[in-house]
C-alpha cells in the first residue's frame, strides 16, 4: 500500500490581471491564542506584508476570489460528469460590479 504524503497549505496564492502575486495566509498570535489573516505581495521575488488600507482592500478581494473558487469546486464535485462543467469567471459579485478583471487562485503548499 502506498503511503500518502502529508501536505500543509501555507496560504492561497492569487495572480491579478497585471501579473502581481498576492498571498493570503494566517498568522498565529500565540499570546492572544488567536489567528489573523495576512496579505503578502511578491515584490522583486520577495514576500512583503501589506498594511493599512492597502491590506484591507486586497484581503477583501482575495477572500472573494477564494469564495468564487470554492463555489467552482463545489459545482464540479456536485456534477455527474466533471468533464462537462464549463469554467465561469471567478470574479466576485463586488468585483464584477466594479469592473475589475478576473484573478487566478492557486493553493500554495
C-alpha atoms as a PDB file:
ATOM      1  CA  UNK A   1       0.000   0.000   0.000  1.00  0.00           C
ATOM      2  CA  UNK A   2       1.357   3.410  -0.961  1.00  0.00           C
ATOM      3  CA  UNK A   3       1.885   5.867   1.869  1.00  0.00           C
ATOM      4  CA  UNK A   4       0.245   9.260   1.400  1.00  0.00           C
ATOM      5  CA  UNK A   5       2.460  12.315   1.565  1.00  0.00           C
ATOM      6  CA  UNK A   6       1.474  14.898   4.180  1.00  0.00           C
ATOM      7  CA  UNK A   7       0.920  18.350   2.707  1.00  0.00           C
ATOM      8  CA  UNK A   8       0.219  21.610   4.506  1.00  0.00           C
ATOM      9  CA  UNK A   9      -1.232  24.711   2.896  1.00  0.00           C
ATOM     10  CA  UNK A  10       0.802  27.824   3.584  1.00  0.00           C
ATOM     11  CA  UNK A  11      -1.798  30.127   2.084  1.00  0.00           C
ATOM     12  CA  UNK A  12      -3.709  30.975  -1.063  1.00  0.00           C
ATOM     13  CA  UNK A  13      -1.829  32.496  -3.970  1.00  0.00           C
ATOM     14  CA  UNK A  14      -3.720  34.806  -6.334  1.00  0.00           C
ATOM     15  CA  UNK A  15      -2.442  36.483  -9.505  1.00  0.00           C
ATOM     16  CA  UNK A  16      -4.209  39.663 -10.594  1.00  0.00           C
ATOM     17  CA  UNK A  17      -4.701  40.888 -14.163  1.00  0.00           C
ATOM     18  CA  UNK A  18      -1.336  42.693 -14.036  1.00  0.00           C
ATOM     19  CA  UNK A  19       0.572  39.549 -13.076  1.00  0.00           C
ATOM     20  CA  UNK A  20       1.122  40.673  -9.477  1.00  0.00           C
ATOM     21  CA  UNK A  21       1.126  37.847  -6.927  1.00  0.00           C
ATOM     22  CA  UNK A  22      -0.615  38.076  -3.563  1.00  0.00           C
ATOM     23  CA  UNK A  23      -0.649  35.507  -0.772  1.00  0.00           C
ATOM     24  CA  UNK A  24      -3.484  35.271   1.753  1.00  0.00           C
ATOM     25  CA  UNK A  25      -2.207  33.450   4.814  1.00  0.00           C
ATOM     26  CA  UNK A  26      -2.727  33.295   8.558  1.00  0.00           C
ATOM     27  CA  UNK A  27      -0.530  34.401  11.415  1.00  0.00           C
ATOM     28  CA  UNK A  28      -0.736  32.805  14.836  1.00  0.00           C
ATOM     29  CA  UNK A  29      -0.949  35.156  17.790  1.00  0.00           C
ATOM     30  CA  UNK A  30       0.041  32.644  20.438  1.00  0.00           C
ATOM     31  CA  UNK A  31      -0.027  35.152  23.262  1.00  0.00           C
ATOM     32  CA  UNK A  32      -3.650  36.017  22.439  1.00  0.00           C
ATOM     33  CA  UNK A  33      -4.482  32.454  21.325  1.00  0.00           C
ATOM     34  CA  UNK A  34      -5.927  33.760  18.045  1.00  0.00           C
ATOM     35  CA  UNK A  35      -5.076  33.871  14.356  1.00  0.00           C
ATOM     36  CA  UNK A  36      -5.316  36.742  11.905  1.00  0.00           C
ATOM     37  CA  UNK A  37      -5.380  36.961   8.131  1.00  0.00           C
ATOM     38  CA  UNK A  38      -2.323  38.497   6.499  1.00  0.00           C
ATOM     39  CA  UNK A  39      -1.835  39.694   2.930  1.00  0.00           C
ATOM     40  CA  UNK A  40       1.597  39.446   1.356  1.00  0.00           C
ATOM     41  CA  UNK A  41       2.668  40.709  -2.063  1.00  0.00           C
ATOM     42  CA  UNK A  42       5.621  39.357  -4.018  1.00  0.00           C
ATOM     43  CA  UNK A  43       7.844  42.299  -4.928  1.00  0.00           C
ATOM     44  CA  UNK A  44      11.164  41.644  -6.667  1.00  0.00           C
ATOM     45  CA  UNK A  45      10.950  37.968  -5.714  1.00  0.00           C
ATOM     46  CA  UNK A  46      10.357  38.584  -2.002  1.00  0.00           C
ATOM     47  CA  UNK A  47       7.133  38.442   0.015  1.00  0.00           C
ATOM     48  CA  UNK A  48       6.276  41.727   1.707  1.00  0.00           C
ATOM     49  CA  UNK A  49       3.389  42.232   4.104  1.00  0.00           C
ATOM     50  CA  UNK A  50       0.792  44.806   3.115  1.00  0.00           C
ATOM     51  CA  UNK A  51      -0.581  47.077   5.823  1.00  0.00           C
ATOM     52  CA  UNK A  52      -3.387  49.543   6.436  1.00  0.00           C
ATOM     53  CA  UNK A  53      -5.952  50.343   3.763  1.00  0.00           C
ATOM     54  CA  UNK A  54      -3.907  48.533   1.120  1.00  0.00           C
ATOM     55  CA  UNK A  55      -4.062  45.289   3.126  1.00  0.00           C
ATOM     56  CA  UNK A  56      -7.777  45.648   3.852  1.00  0.00           C
ATOM     57  CA  UNK A  57      -8.684  46.175   0.189  1.00  0.00           C
ATOM     58  CA  UNK A  58      -6.540  43.269  -1.035  1.00  0.00           C
ATOM     59  CA  UNK A  59      -7.754  40.954   1.735  1.00  0.00           C
ATOM     60  CA  UNK A  60     -11.363  41.533   0.688  1.00  0.00           C
ATOM     61  CA  UNK A  61     -10.517  40.809  -2.958  1.00  0.00           C
ATOM     62  CA  UNK A  62      -8.554  37.679  -2.069  1.00  0.00           C
ATOM     63  CA  UNK A  63     -11.365  36.312   0.098  1.00  0.00           C
ATOM     64  CA  UNK A  64     -13.860  36.963  -2.715  1.00  0.00           C
ATOM     65  CA  UNK A  65     -11.590  35.132  -5.194  1.00  0.00           C
ATOM     66  CA  UNK A  66     -11.333  32.194  -2.769  1.00  0.00           C
ATOM     67  CA  UNK A  67     -15.110  32.015  -2.313  1.00  0.00           C
ATOM     68  CA  UNK A  68     -15.649  32.009  -6.093  1.00  0.00           C
ATOM     69  CA  UNK A  69     -13.006  29.284  -6.469  1.00  0.00           C
ATOM     70  CA  UNK A  70     -14.658  27.211  -3.721  1.00  0.00           C
ATOM     71  CA  UNK A  71     -18.049  27.561  -5.449  1.00  0.00           C
ATOM     72  CA  UNK A  72     -16.475  26.257  -8.664  1.00  0.00           C
ATOM     73  CA  UNK A  73     -15.033  23.262  -6.783  1.00  0.00           C
ATOM     74  CA  UNK A  74     -18.490  22.528  -5.358  1.00  0.00           C
ATOM     75  CA  UNK A  75     -20.008  22.728  -8.851  1.00  0.00           C
ATOM     76  CA  UNK A  76     -17.505  20.170 -10.111  1.00  0.00           C
ATOM     77  CA  UNK A  77     -17.972  17.836  -7.130  1.00  0.00           C
ATOM     78  CA  UNK A  78     -21.760  18.033  -7.421  1.00  0.00           C
ATOM     79  CA  UNK A  79     -21.829  17.359 -11.163  1.00  0.00           C
ATOM     80  CA  UNK A  80     -22.354  13.884 -12.555  1.00  0.00           C
ATOM     81  CA  UNK A  81     -19.652  14.355 -15.184  1.00  0.00           C
ATOM     82  CA  UNK A  82     -16.972  16.888 -14.252  1.00  0.00           C
ATOM     83  CA  UNK A  83     -15.657  16.978 -17.838  1.00  0.00           C
ATOM     84  CA  UNK A  84     -18.875  18.690 -18.937  1.00  0.00           C
ATOM     85  CA  UNK A  85     -18.530  21.572 -16.467  1.00  0.00           C
ATOM     86  CA  UNK A  86     -17.667  24.791 -18.241  1.00  0.00           C
ATOM     87  CA  UNK A  87     -15.449  27.236 -16.356  1.00  0.00           C
ATOM     88  CA  UNK A  88     -17.007  30.516 -15.317  1.00  0.00           C
ATOM     89  CA  UNK A  89     -15.487  33.835 -14.393  1.00  0.00           C
ATOM     90  CA  UNK A  90     -14.066  33.694 -10.876  1.00  0.00           C
ATOM     91  CA  UNK A  91     -14.677  37.325 -10.061  1.00  0.00           C
ATOM     92  CA  UNK A  92     -16.812  38.148  -7.068  1.00  0.00           C
ATOM     93  CA  UNK A  93     -20.101  39.992  -7.390  1.00  0.00           C
ATOM     94  CA  UNK A  94     -18.421  43.065  -5.961  1.00  0.00           C
ATOM     95  CA  UNK A  95     -15.504  42.807  -8.404  1.00  0.00           C
ATOM     96  CA  UNK A  96     -17.935  42.404 -11.309  1.00  0.00           C
ATOM     97  CA  UNK A  97     -19.805  45.491 -10.143  1.00  0.00           C
ATOM     98  CA  UNK A  98     -16.529  47.417 -10.000  1.00  0.00           C
ATOM     99  CA  UNK A  99     -15.472  46.110 -13.409  1.00  0.00           C
ATOM    100  CA  UNK A 100     -12.178  44.600 -12.268  1.00  0.00           C
ATOM    101  CA  UNK A 101     -10.516  41.756 -14.139  1.00  0.00           C
ATOM    102  CA  UNK A 102     -10.529  38.094 -13.208  1.00  0.00           C
ATOM    103  CA  UNK A 103      -7.987  36.780 -10.677  1.00  0.00           C
ATOM    104  CA  UNK A 104      -6.346  33.373 -10.735  1.00  0.00           C
ATOM    105  CA  UNK A 105      -6.274  31.447  -7.469  1.00  0.00           C
ATOM    106  CA  UNK A 106      -3.749  28.748  -6.571  1.00  0.00           C
ATOM    107  CA  UNK A 107      -3.115  26.815  -3.407  1.00  0.00           C
ATOM    108  CA  UNK A 108       0.413  27.175  -2.101  1.00  0.00           C
ATOM    109  CA  UNK A 109       1.796  24.079  -0.416  1.00  0.00           C
END
